[in-house]
Amino acid sequence: ISIVGGVVANGQNIAFLVSLAFALAASANLPSILYTLYWRRFNTRGAL
């Protein structure tokens, strides 16, 4: 899949892909990780 994706994206502006990866990680992963580790009240609905 990555080979096909790389061929399709070859020559395109890839800056937004990198920024998207970092923005996705900061927006979706980090809040739930920090809440899980440091907030006892955190639950299923909050995580989803």
ModelCIF file with pLDDT and N, C-alpha, C, O atoms, coordinates in Angstrom:
data_MODEL
#
_entry.id   MODEL 
#
_entity.id                         1 
_entity.type                       polymer 
_entity.pdbx_number_of_molecules   1 
#
_entity_poly.entity_id                      1 
_entity_poly.type                           'polypeptide(L)' 
_entity_poly.nstd_linkage                   no 
_entity_poly.nstd_monomer                   no 
_entity_poly.pdbx_seq_one_letter_code       ISIVGGVVANGQNIAFLVSLAFALAASANLPSILYTLYWRRFNTRGAL 
_entity_poly.pdbx_seq_one_letter_code_can   ISIVGGVVANGQNIAFLVSLAFALAASANLPSILYTLYWRRFNTRGAL 
_entity_poly.pdbx_strand_id                 A 
#
loop_
_entity_poly_seq.entity_id 
_entity_poly_seq.num 
_entity_poly_seq.mon_id 
_entity_poly_seq.hetero 
1 1  ILE n 
1 2  SER n 
1 3  ILE n 
1 4  VAL n 
1 5  GLY n 
1 6  GLY n 
1 7  VAL n 
1 8  VAL n 
1 9  ALA n 
1 10 ASN n 
1 11 GLY n 
1 12 GLN n 
1 13 ASN n 
1 14 ILE n 
1 15 ALA n 
1 16 PHE n 
1 17 LEU n 
1 18 VAL n 
1 19 SER n 
1 20 LEU n 
1 21 ALA n 
1 22 PHE n 
1 23 ALA n 
1 24 LEU n 
1 25 ALA n 
1 26 ALA n 
1 27 SER n 
1 28 ALA n 
1 29 ASN n 
1 30 LEU n 
1 31 PRO n 
1 32 SER n 
1 33 ILE n 
1 34 LEU n 
1 35 TYR n 
1 36 THR n 
1 37 LEU n 
1 38 TYR n 
1 39 TRP n 
1 40 ARG n 
1 41 ARG n 
1 42 PHE n 
1 43 ASN n 
1 44 THR n 
1 45 ARG n 
1 46 GLY n 
1 47 ALA n 
1 48 LEU n 
#
_struct_asym.id          A 
_struct_asym.entity_id   1 
#
loop_
_ma_qa_metric.id 
_ma_qa_metric.mode 
_ma_qa_metric.name 
_ma_qa_metric.software_group_id 
_ma_qa_metric.type 
1 global pLDDT . pLDDT 
2 local  pLDDT . pLDDT 
#
_ma_qa_metric_global.metric_id      1 
_ma_qa_metric_global.metric_value   85.46 
_ma_qa_metric_global.model_id       1 
_ma_qa_metric_global.ordinal_id     1 
#
loop_
_ma_qa_metric_local.label_asym_id 
_ma_qa_metric_local.label_comp_id 
_ma_qa_metric_local.label_seq_id 
_ma_qa_metric_local.metric_id 
_ma_qa_metric_local.metric_value 
_ma_qa_metric_local.model_id 
_ma_qa_metric_local.ordinal_id 
A ILE 1  2 90.00 1 1  
A SER 2  2 88.00 1 2  
A ILE 3  2 89.00 1 3  
A VAL 4  2 89.00 1 4  
A GLY 5  2 86.00 1 5  
A GLY 6  2 84.00 1 6  
A VAL 7  2 84.00 1 7  
A VAL 8  2 81.00 1 8  
A ALA 9  2 76.00 1 9  
A ASN 10 2 73.00 1 10 
A GLY 11 2 65.00 1 11 
A GLN 12 2 63.00 1 12 
A ASN 13 2 57.00 1 13 
A ILE 14 2 61.00 1 14 
A ALA 15 2 60.00 1 15 
A PHE 16 2 64.00 1 16 
A LEU 17 2 73.00 1 17 
A VAL 18 2 76.00 1 18 
A SER 19 2 73.00 1 19 
A LEU 20 2 78.00 1 20 
A ALA 21 2 86.00 1 21 
A PHE 22 2 89.00 1 22 
A ALA 23 2 90.00 1 23 
A LEU 24 2 91.00 1 24 
A ALA 25 2 93.00 1 25 
A ALA 26 2 94.00 1 26 
A SER 27 2 95.00 1 27 
A ALA 28 2 93.00 1 28 
A ASN 29 2 94.00 1 29 
A LEU 30 2 94.00 1 30 
A PRO 31 2 95.00 1 31 
A SER 32 2 94.00 1 32 
A ILE 33 2 93.00 1 33 
A LEU 34 2 94.00 1 34 
A TYR 35 2 94.00 1 35 
A THR 36 2 92.00 1 36 
A LEU 37 2 90.00 1 37 
A TYR 38 2 91.00 1 38 
A TRP 39 2 91.00 1 39 
A ARG 40 2 90.00 1 40 
A ARG 41 2 91.00 1 41 
A PHE 42 2 92.00 1 42 
A ASN 43 2 92.00 1 43 
A THR 44 2 93.00 1 44 
A ARG 45 2 95.00 1 45 
A GLY 46 2 95.00 1 46 
A ALA 47 2 95.00 1 47 
A LEU 48 2 96.00 1 48 
#
loop_
_atom_site.group_PDB 
_atom_site.id 
_atom_site.type_symbol 
_atom_site.label_atom_id 
_atom_site.label_alt_id 
_atom_site.label_comp_id 
_atom_site.label_asym_id 
_atom_site.label_entity_id 
_atom_site.label_seq_id 
_atom_site.pdbx_PDB_ins_code 
_atom_site.Cartn_x 
_atom_site.Cartn_y 
_atom_site.Cartn_z 
_atom_site.occupancy 
_atom_site.B_iso_or_equiv 
_atom_site.pdbx_formal_charge 
_atom_site.auth_seq_id 
_atom_site.auth_comp_id 
_atom_site.auth_asym_id 
_atom_site.auth_atom_id 
_atom_site.pdbx_PDB_model_num 
ATOM 1   N N  . ILE A 1 1  ? 0.837   -1.208 0.000  1.00 90.00 ? 1  ILE A N  1 
ATOM 2   C CA . ILE A 1 1  ? 0.000   0.000  0.000  1.00 90.00 ? 1  ILE A CA 1 
ATOM 3   C C  . ILE A 1 1  ? 0.869   1.254  0.000  1.00 90.00 ? 1  ILE A C  1 
ATOM 4   O O  . ILE A 1 1  ? 0.568   2.222  -0.698 1.00 90.00 ? 1  ILE A O  1 
ATOM 5   N N  . SER A 1 2  ? 1.940   1.237  0.778  1.00 88.00 ? 2  SER A N  1 
ATOM 6   C CA . SER A 1 2  ? 2.820   2.408  0.844  1.00 88.00 ? 2  SER A CA 1 
ATOM 7   C C  . SER A 1 2  ? 3.545   2.637  -0.482 1.00 88.00 ? 2  SER A C  1 
ATOM 8   O O  . SER A 1 2  ? 3.808   3.779  -0.860 1.00 88.00 ? 2  SER A O  1 
ATOM 9   N N  . ILE A 1 3  ? 3.870   1.546  -1.190 1.00 89.00 ? 3  ILE A N  1 
ATOM 10  C CA . ILE A 1 3  ? 4.495   1.688  -2.512 1.00 89.00 ? 3  ILE A CA 1 
ATOM 11  C C  . ILE A 1 3  ? 3.530   2.374  -3.471 1.00 89.00 ? 3  ILE A C  1 
ATOM 12  O O  . ILE A 1 3  ? 3.897   3.320  -4.168 1.00 89.00 ? 3  ILE A O  1 
ATOM 13  N N  . VAL A 1 4  ? 2.278   1.881  -3.499 1.00 89.00 ? 4  VAL A N  1 
ATOM 14  C CA . VAL A 1 4  ? 1.260   2.483  -4.374 1.00 89.00 ? 4  VAL A CA 1 
ATOM 15  C C  . VAL A 1 4  ? 1.036   3.943  -3.994 1.00 89.00 ? 4  VAL A C  1 
ATOM 16  O O  . VAL A 1 4  ? 0.979   4.814  -4.862 1.00 89.00 ? 4  VAL A O  1 
ATOM 17  N N  . GLY A 1 5  ? 0.908   4.211  -2.679 1.00 86.00 ? 5  GLY A N  1 
ATOM 18  C CA . GLY A 1 5  ? 0.712   5.585  -2.209 1.00 86.00 ? 5  GLY A CA 1 
ATOM 19  C C  . GLY A 1 5  ? 1.879   6.480  -2.559 1.00 86.00 ? 5  GLY A C  1 
ATOM 20  O O  . GLY A 1 5  ? 1.683   7.629  -2.958 1.00 86.00 ? 5  GLY A O  1 
ATOM 21  N N  . GLY A 1 6  ? 3.106   5.967  -2.414 1.00 84.00 ? 6  GLY A N  1 
ATOM 22  C CA . GLY A 1 6  ? 4.290   6.746  -2.751 1.00 84.00 ? 6  GLY A CA 1 
ATOM 23  C C  . GLY A 1 6  ? 4.358   7.083  -4.228 1.00 84.00 ? 6  GLY A C  1 
ATOM 24  O O  . GLY A 1 6  ? 4.754   8.187  -4.602 1.00 84.00 ? 6  GLY A O  1 
ATOM 25  N N  . VAL A 1 7  ? 3.967   6.121  -5.078 1.00 84.00 ? 7  VAL A N  1 
ATOM 26  C CA . VAL A 1 7  ? 3.952   6.357  -6.526 1.00 84.00 ? 7  VAL A CA 1 
ATOM 27  C C  . VAL A 1 7  ? 2.916   7.426  -6.881 1.00 84.00 ? 7  VAL A C  1 
ATOM 28  O O  . VAL A 1 7  ? 3.180   8.313  -7.693 1.00 84.00 ? 7  VAL A O  1 
ATOM 29  N N  . VAL A 1 8  ? 1.730   7.330  -6.261 1.00 81.00 ? 8  VAL A N  1 
ATOM 30  C CA . VAL A 1 8  ? 0.666   8.299  -6.531 1.00 81.00 ? 8  VAL A CA 1 
ATOM 31  C C  . VAL A 1 8  ? 1.070   9.700  -6.059 1.00 81.00 ? 8  VAL A C  1 
ATOM 32  O O  . VAL A 1 8  ? 0.807   10.691 -6.741 1.00 81.00 ? 8  VAL A O  1 
ATOM 33  N N  . ALA A 1 9  ? 1.711   9.774  -4.886 1.00 76.00 ? 9  ALA A N  1 
ATOM 34  C CA . ALA A 1 9  ? 2.061   11.073 -4.301 1.00 76.00 ? 9  ALA A CA 1 
ATOM 35  C C  . ALA A 1 9  ? 3.395   11.622 -4.816 1.00 76.00 ? 9  ALA A C  1 
ATOM 36  O O  . ALA A 1 9  ? 3.759   12.755 -4.499 1.00 76.00 ? 9  ALA A O  1 
ATOM 37  N N  . ASN A 1 10 ? 4.119   10.838 -5.601 1.00 73.00 ? 10 ASN A N  1 
ATOM 38  C CA . ASN A 1 10 ? 5.426   11.278 -6.090 1.00 73.00 ? 10 ASN A CA 1 
ATOM 39  C C  . ASN A 1 10 ? 5.304   12.578 -6.895 1.00 73.00 ? 10 ASN A C  1 
ATOM 40  O O  . ASN A 1 10 ? 4.510   12.671 -7.832 1.00 73.00 ? 10 ASN A O  1 
ATOM 41  N N  . GLY A 1 11 ? 6.101   13.571 -6.512 1.00 65.00 ? 11 GLY A N  1 
ATOM 42  C CA . GLY A 1 11 ? 6.069   14.854 -7.201 1.00 65.00 ? 11 GLY A CA 1 
ATOM 43  C C  . GLY A 1 11 ? 5.083   15.837 -6.618 1.00 65.00 ? 11 GLY A C  1 
ATOM 44  O O  . GLY A 1 11 ? 5.090   17.017 -6.969 1.00 65.00 ? 11 GLY A O  1 
ATOM 45  N N  . GLN A 1 12 ? 4.216   15.346 -5.709 1.00 63.00 ? 12 GLN A N  1 
ATOM 46  C CA . GLN A 1 12 ? 3.244   16.242 -5.079 1.00 63.00 ? 12 GLN A CA 1 
ATOM 47  C C  . GLN A 1 12 ? 3.892   16.965 -3.894 1.00 63.00 ? 12 GLN A C  1 
ATOM 48  O O  . GLN A 1 12 ? 4.990   16.615 -3.461 1.00 63.00 ? 12 GLN A O  1 
ATOM 49  N N  . ASN A 1 13 ? 3.206   17.959 -3.390 1.00 57.00 ? 13 ASN A N  1 
ATOM 50  C CA . ASN A 1 13 ? 3.649   18.647 -2.181 1.00 57.00 ? 13 ASN A CA 1 
ATOM 51  C C  . ASN A 1 13 ? 3.411   17.727 -0.982 1.00 57.00 ? 13 ASN A C  1 
ATOM 52  O O  . ASN A 1 13 ? 2.266   17.463 -0.614 1.00 57.00 ? 13 ASN A O  1 
ATOM 53  N N  . ILE A 1 14 ? 4.500   17.241 -0.372 1.00 61.00 ? 14 ILE A N  1 
ATOM 54  C CA . ILE A 1 14 ? 4.338   16.272 0.715  1.00 61.00 ? 14 ILE A CA 1 
ATOM 55  C C  . ILE A 1 14 ? 4.378   16.920 2.099  1.00 61.00 ? 14 ILE A C  1 
ATOM 56  O O  . ILE A 1 14 ? 4.239   16.235 3.112  1.00 61.00 ? 14 ILE A O  1 
ATOM 57  N N  . ALA A 1 15 ? 4.567   18.241 2.139  1.00 60.00 ? 15 ALA A N  1 
ATOM 58  C CA . ALA A 1 15 ? 4.660   18.911 3.441  1.00 60.00 ? 15 ALA A CA 1 
ATOM 59  C C  . ALA A 1 15 ? 3.385   18.695 4.258  1.00 60.00 ? 15 ALA A C  1 
ATOM 60  O O  . ALA A 1 15 ? 3.440   18.527 5.476  1.00 60.00 ? 15 ALA A O  1 
ATOM 61  N N  . PHE A 1 16 ? 2.234   18.702 3.572  1.00 64.00 ? 16 PHE A N  1 
ATOM 62  C CA . PHE A 1 16 ? 0.984   18.568 4.319  1.00 64.00 ? 16 PHE A CA 1 
ATOM 63  C C  . PHE A 1 16 ? 0.833   17.161 4.908  1.00 64.00 ? 16 PHE A C  1 
ATOM 64  O O  . PHE A 1 16 ? 0.133   16.987 5.905  1.00 64.00 ? 16 PHE A O  1 
ATOM 65  N N  . LEU A 1 17 ? 1.487   16.146 4.300  1.00 73.00 ? 17 LEU A N  1 
ATOM 66  C CA . LEU A 1 17 ? 1.423   14.788 4.840  1.00 73.00 ? 17 LEU A CA 1 
ATOM 67  C C  . LEU A 1 17 ? 2.143   14.707 6.180  1.00 73.00 ? 17 LEU A C  1 
ATOM 68  O O  . LEU A 1 17 ? 1.655   14.086 7.124  1.00 73.00 ? 17 LEU A O  1 
ATOM 69  N N  . VAL A 1 18 ? 3.307   15.342 6.251  1.00 76.00 ? 18 VAL A N  1 
ATOM 70  C CA . VAL A 1 18 ? 4.064   15.350 7.501  1.00 76.00 ? 18 VAL A CA 1 
ATOM 71  C C  . VAL A 1 18 ? 3.305   16.125 8.569  1.00 76.00 ? 18 VAL A C  1 
ATOM 72  O O  . VAL A 1 18 ? 3.183   15.673 9.707  1.00 76.00 ? 18 VAL A O  1 
ATOM 73  N N  . SER A 1 19 ? 2.793   17.301 8.191  1.00 73.00 ? 19 SER A N  1 
ATOM 74  C CA . SER A 1 19 ? 2.055   18.112 9.168  1.00 73.00 ? 19 SER A CA 1 
ATOM 75  C C  . SER A 1 19 ? 0.790   17.400 9.604  1.00 73.00 ? 19 SER A C  1 
ATOM 76  O O  . SER A 1 19 ? 0.369   17.524 10.754 1.00 73.00 ? 19 SER A O  1 
ATOM 77  N N  . LEU A 1 20 ? 0.174   16.647 8.686  1.00 78.00 ? 20 LEU A N  1 
ATOM 78  C CA . LEU A 1 20 ? -1.024  15.893 9.042  1.00 78.00 ? 20 LEU A CA 1 
ATOM 79  C C  . LEU A 1 20 ? -0.699  14.801 10.039 1.00 78.00 ? 20 LEU A C  1 
ATOM 80  O O  . LEU A 1 20 ? -1.447  14.585 10.992 1.00 78.00 ? 20 LEU A O  1 
ATOM 81  N N  . ALA A 1 21 ? 0.416   14.108 9.829  1.00 86.00 ? 21 ALA A N  1 
ATOM 82  C CA . ALA A 1 21 ? 0.810   13.048 10.763 1.00 86.00 ? 21 ALA A CA 1 
ATOM 83  C C  . ALA A 1 21 ? 1.029   13.612 12.164 1.00 86.00 ? 21 ALA A C  1 
ATOM 84  O O  . ALA A 1 21 ? 0.545   13.047 13.145 1.00 86.00 ? 21 ALA A O  1 
ATOM 85  N N  . PHE A 1 22 ? 1.757   14.725 12.259 1.00 89.00 ? 22 PHE A N  1 
ATOM 86  C CA . PHE A 1 22 ? 2.005   15.333 13.573 1.00 89.00 ? 22 PHE A CA 1 
ATOM 87  C C  . PHE A 1 22 ? 0.714   15.888 14.182 1.00 89.00 ? 22 PHE A C  1 
ATOM 88  O O  . PHE A 1 22 ? 0.470   15.734 15.378 1.00 89.00 ? 22 PHE A O  1 
ATOM 89  N N  . ALA A 1 23 ? -0.109  16.533 13.349 1.00 90.00 ? 23 ALA A N  1 
ATOM 90  C CA . ALA A 1 23 ? -1.364  17.092 13.868 1.00 90.00 ? 23 ALA A CA 1 
ATOM 91  C C  . ALA A 1 23 ? -2.310  15.986 14.330 1.00 90.00 ? 23 ALA A C  1 
ATOM 92  O O  . ALA A 1 23 ? -2.962  16.122 15.366 1.00 90.00 ? 23 ALA A O  1 
ATOM 93  N N  . LEU A 1 24 ? -2.390  14.892 13.570 1.00 91.00 ? 24 LEU A N  1 
ATOM 94  C CA . LEU A 1 24 ? -3.228  13.761 13.980 1.00 91.00 ? 24 LEU A CA 1 
ATOM 95  C C  . LEU A 1 24 ? -2.736  13.179 15.298 1.00 91.00 ? 24 LEU A C  1 
ATOM 96  O O  . LEU A 1 24 ? -3.533  12.899 16.193 1.00 91.00 ? 24 LEU A O  1 
ATOM 97  N N  . ALA A 1 25 ? -1.420  12.995 15.417 1.00 93.00 ? 25 ALA A N  1 
ATOM 98  C CA . ALA A 1 25 ? -0.859  12.429 16.637 1.00 93.00 ? 25 ALA A CA 1 
ATOM 99  C C  . ALA A 1 25 ? -1.136  13.326 17.844 1.00 93.00 ? 25 ALA A C  1 
ATOM 100 O O  . ALA A 1 25 ? -1.498  12.843 18.917 1.00 93.00 ? 25 ALA A O  1 
ATOM 101 N N  . ALA A 1 26 ? -0.963  14.634 17.658 1.00 94.00 ? 26 ALA A N  1 
ATOM 102 C CA . ALA A 1 26 ? -1.183  15.572 18.765 1.00 94.00 ? 26 ALA A CA 1 
ATOM 103 C C  . ALA A 1 26 ? -2.655  15.701 19.114 1.00 94.00 ? 26 ALA A C  1 
ATOM 104 O O  . ALA A 1 26 ? -2.996  15.937 20.273 1.00 94.00 ? 26 ALA A O  1 
ATOM 105 N N  . SER A 1 27 ? -3.543  15.549 18.117 1.00 95.00 ? 27 SER A N  1 
ATOM 106 C CA . SER A 1 27 ? -4.980  15.772 18.336 1.00 95.00 ? 27 SER A CA 1 
ATOM 107 C C  . SER A 1 27 ? -5.700  14.531 18.834 1.00 95.00 ? 27 SER A C  1 
ATOM 108 O O  . SER A 1 27 ? -6.563  14.622 19.706 1.00 95.00 ? 27 SER A O  1 
ATOM 109 N N  . ALA A 1 28 ? -5.352  13.366 18.285 1.00 93.00 ? 28 ALA A N  1 
ATOM 110 C CA . ALA A 1 28 ? -6.091  12.144 18.597 1.00 93.00 ? 28 ALA A CA 1 
ATOM 111 C C  . ALA A 1 28 ? -5.409  11.285 19.655 1.00 93.00 ? 28 ALA A C  1 
ATOM 112 O O  . ALA A 1 28 ? -6.081  10.718 20.517 1.00 93.00 ? 28 ALA A O  1 
ATOM 113 N N  . ASN A 1 29 ? -4.097  11.181 19.601 1.00 94.00 ? 29 ASN A N  1 
ATOM 114 C CA . ASN A 1 29 ? -3.386  10.246 20.481 1.00 94.00 ? 29 ASN A CA 1 
ATOM 115 C C  . ASN A 1 29 ? -2.970  10.859 21.813 1.00 94.00 ? 29 ASN A C  1 
ATOM 116 O O  . ASN A 1 29 ? -3.215  10.277 22.870 1.00 94.00 ? 29 ASN A O  1 
ATOM 117 N N  . LEU A 1 30 ? -2.342  12.030 21.765 1.00 94.00 ? 30 LEU A N  1 
ATOM 118 C CA . LEU A 1 30 ? -1.789  12.587 23.004 1.00 94.00 ? 30 LEU A CA 1 
ATOM 119 C C  . LEU A 1 30 ? -2.849  12.897 24.068 1.00 94.00 ? 30 LEU A C  1 
ATOM 120 O O  . LEU A 1 30 ? -2.621  12.576 25.235 1.00 94.00 ? 30 LEU A O  1 
ATOM 121 N N  . PRO A 1 31 ? -4.012  13.515 23.726 1.00 95.00 ? 31 PRO A N  1 
ATOM 122 C CA . PRO A 1 31 ? -5.002  13.777 24.782 1.00 95.00 ? 31 PRO A CA 1 
ATOM 123 C C  . PRO A 1 31 ? -5.441  12.507 25.509 1.00 95.00 ? 31 PRO A C  1 
ATOM 124 O O  . PRO A 1 31 ? -5.511  12.482 26.738 1.00 95.00 ? 31 PRO A O  1 
ATOM 125 N N  . SER A 1 32 ? -5.739  11.448 24.741 1.00 94.00 ? 32 SER A N  1 
ATOM 126 C CA . SER A 1 32 ? -6.204  10.214 25.380 1.00 94.00 ? 32 SER A CA 1 
ATOM 127 C C  . SER A 1 32 ? -5.090  9.545  26.188 1.00 94.00 ? 32 SER A C  1 
ATOM 128 O O  . SER A 1 32 ? -5.365  8.930  27.218 1.00 94.00 ? 32 SER A O  1 
ATOM 129 N N  . ILE A 1 33 ? -3.841  9.654  25.739 1.00 93.00 ? 33 ILE A N  1 
ATOM 130 C CA . ILE A 1 33 ? -2.718  9.081  26.501 1.00 93.00 ? 33 ILE A CA 1 
ATOM 131 C C  . ILE A 1 33 ? -2.555  9.813  27.831 1.00 93.00 ? 33 ILE A C  1 
ATOM 132 O O  . ILE A 1 33 ? -2.433  9.177  28.878 1.00 93.00 ? 33 ILE A O  1 
ATOM 133 N N  . LEU A 1 34 ? -2.551  11.144 27.797 1.00 94.00 ? 34 LEU A N  1 
ATOM 134 C CA . LEU A 1 34 ? -2.362  11.920 29.032 1.00 94.00 ? 34 LEU A CA 1 
ATOM 135 C C  . LEU A 1 34 ? -3.534  11.750 29.985 1.00 94.00 ? 34 LEU A C  1 
ATOM 136 O O  . LEU A 1 34 ? -3.338  11.607 31.192 1.00 94.00 ? 34 LEU A O  1 
ATOM 137 N N  . TYR A 1 35 ? -4.755  11.766 29.451 1.00 94.00 ? 35 TYR A N  1 
ATOM 138 C CA . TYR A 1 35 ? -5.925  11.535 30.308 1.00 94.00 ? 35 TYR A CA 1 
ATOM 139 C C  . TYR A 1 35 ? -5.863  10.147 30.949 1.00 94.00 ? 35 TYR A C  1 
ATOM 140 O O  . TYR A 1 35 ? -6.160  9.998  32.134 1.00 94.00 ? 35 TYR A O  1 
ATOM 141 N N  . THR A 1 36 ? -5.481  9.141  30.176 1.00 92.00 ? 36 THR A N  1 
ATOM 142 C CA . THR A 1 36 ? -5.413  7.773  30.700 1.00 92.00 ? 36 THR A CA 1 
ATOM 143 C C  . THR A 1 36 ? -4.387  7.665  31.826 1.00 92.00 ? 36 THR A C  1 
ATOM 144 O O  . THR A 1 36 ? -4.632  7.010  32.839 1.00 92.00 ? 36 THR A O  1 
ATOM 145 N N  . LEU A 1 37 ? -3.247  8.307  31.639 1.00 90.00 ? 37 LEU A N  1 
ATOM 146 C CA . LEU A 1 37 ? -2.162  8.194  32.614 1.00 90.00 ? 37 LEU A CA 1 
ATOM 147 C C  . LEU A 1 37 ? -2.378  9.057  33.856 1.00 90.00 ? 37 LEU A C  1 
ATOM 148 O O  . LEU A 1 37 ? -1.913  8.705  34.940 1.00 90.00 ? 37 LEU A O  1 
ATOM 149 N N  . TYR A 1 38 ? -3.083  10.192 33.709 1.00 91.00 ? 38 TYR A N  1 
ATOM 150 C CA . TYR A 1 38 ? -3.102  11.165 34.806 1.00 91.00 ? 38 TYR A CA 1 
ATOM 151 C C  . TYR A 1 38 ? -4.494  11.555 35.320 1.00 91.00 ? 38 TYR A C  1 
ATOM 152 O O  . TYR A 1 38 ? -4.586  12.348 36.257 1.00 91.00 ? 38 TYR A O  1 
ATOM 153 N N  . TRP A 1 39 ? -5.566  11.032 34.746 1.00 91.00 ? 39 TRP A N  1 
ATOM 154 C CA . TRP A 1 39 ? -6.910  11.395 35.221 1.00 91.00 ? 39 TRP A CA 1 
ATOM 155 C C  . TRP A 1 39 ? -7.687  10.117 35.550 1.00 91.00 ? 39 TRP A C  1 
ATOM 156 O O  . TRP A 1 39 ? -8.065  9.363  34.653 1.00 91.00 ? 39 TRP A O  1 
ATOM 157 N N  . ARG A 1 40 ? -7.917  9.887  36.827 1.00 90.00 ? 40 ARG A N  1 
ATOM 158 C CA . ARG A 1 40 ? -8.591  8.655  37.267 1.00 90.00 ? 40 ARG A CA 1 
ATOM 159 C C  . ARG A 1 40 ? -10.006 8.525  36.707 1.00 90.00 ? 40 ARG A C  1 
ATOM 160 O O  . ARG A 1 40 ? -10.481 7.419  36.447 1.00 90.00 ? 40 ARG A O  1 
ATOM 161 N N  . ARG A 1 41 ? -10.666 9.651  36.528 1.00 91.00 ? 41 ARG A N  1 
ATOM 162 C CA . ARG A 1 41 ? -12.084 9.651  36.132 1.00 91.00 ? 41 ARG A CA 1 
ATOM 163 C C  . ARG A 1 41 ? -12.276 9.270  34.653 1.00 91.00 ? 41 ARG A C  1 
ATOM 164 O O  . ARG A 1 41 ? -13.385 8.910  34.259 1.00 91.00 ? 41 ARG A O  1 
ATOM 165 N N  . PHE A 1 42 ? -11.247 9.339  33.850 1.00 92.00 ? 42 PHE A N  1 
ATOM 166 C CA . PHE A 1 42 ? -11.322 9.118  32.400 1.00 92.00 ? 42 PHE A CA 1 
ATOM 167 C C  . PHE A 1 42 ? -11.971 7.769  32.100 1.00 92.00 ? 42 PHE A C  1 
ATOM 168 O O  . PHE A 1 42 ? -11.665 6.766  32.745 1.00 92.00 ? 42 PHE A O  1 
ATOM 169 N N  . ASN A 1 43 ? -12.884 7.754  31.100 1.00 92.00 ? 43 ASN A N  1 
ATOM 170 C CA . ASN A 1 43 ? -13.619 6.518  30.822 1.00 92.00 ? 43 ASN A CA 1 
ATOM 171 C C  . ASN A 1 43 ? -13.769 6.275  29.315 1.00 92.00 ? 43 ASN A C  1 
ATOM 172 O O  . ASN A 1 43 ? -13.171 6.970  28.493 1.00 92.00 ? 43 ASN A O  1 
ATOM 173 N N  . THR A 1 44 ? -14.580 5.273  28.980 1.00 93.00 ? 44 THR A N  1 
ATOM 174 C CA . THR A 1 44 ? -14.716 4.827  27.591 1.00 93.00 ? 44 THR A CA 1 
ATOM 175 C C  . THR A 1 44 ? -15.210 5.935  26.668 1.00 93.00 ? 44 THR A C  1 
ATOM 176 O O  . THR A 1 44 ? -14.624 6.169  25.611 1.00 93.00 ? 44 THR A O  1 
ATOM 177 N N  . ARG A 1 45 ? -16.289 6.621  27.062 1.00 95.00 ? 45 ARG A N  1 
ATOM 178 C CA . ARG A 1 45 ? -16.838 7.676  26.203 1.00 95.00 ? 45 ARG A CA 1 
ATOM 179 C C  . ARG A 1 45 ? -15.814 8.786  25.985 1.00 95.00 ? 45 ARG A C  1 
ATOM 180 O O  . ARG A 1 45 ? -15.668 9.290  24.872 1.00 95.00 ? 45 ARG A O  1 
ATOM 181 N N  . GLY A 1 46 ? -15.111 9.162  27.041 1.00 95.00 ? 46 GLY A N  1 
ATOM 182 C CA . GLY A 1 46 ? -14.079 10.195 26.907 1.00 95.00 ? 46 GLY A CA 1 
ATOM 183 C C  . GLY A 1 46 ? -12.990 9.779  25.934 1.00 95.00 ? 46 GLY A C  1 
ATOM 184 O O  . GLY A 1 46 ? -12.539 10.583 25.119 1.00 95.00 ? 46 GLY A O  1 
ATOM 185 N N  . ALA A 1 47 ? -12.565 8.514  26.018 1.00 95.00 ? 47 ALA A N  1 
ATOM 186 C CA . ALA A 1 47 ? -11.510 8.015  25.128 1.00 95.00 ? 47 ALA A CA 1 
ATOM 187 C C  . ALA A 1 47 ? -11.977 8.023  23.676 1.00 95.00 ? 47 ALA A C  1 
ATOM 188 O O  . ALA A 1 47 ? -11.247 8.467  22.791 1.00 95.00 ? 47 ALA A O  1 
ATOM 189 N N  . LEU A 1 48 ? -13.188 7.536  23.430 1.00 96.00 ? 48 LEU A N  1 
ATOM 190 C CA . LEU A 1 48 ? -13.705 7.468  22.058 1.00 96.00 ? 48 LEU A CA 1 
ATOM 191 C C  . LEU A 1 48 ? -13.915 8.862  21.472 1.00 96.00 ? 48 LEU A C  1 
ATOM 192 O O  . LEU A 1 48 ? -14.346 8.992  20.326 1.00 96.00 ? 48 LEU A O  1 
#
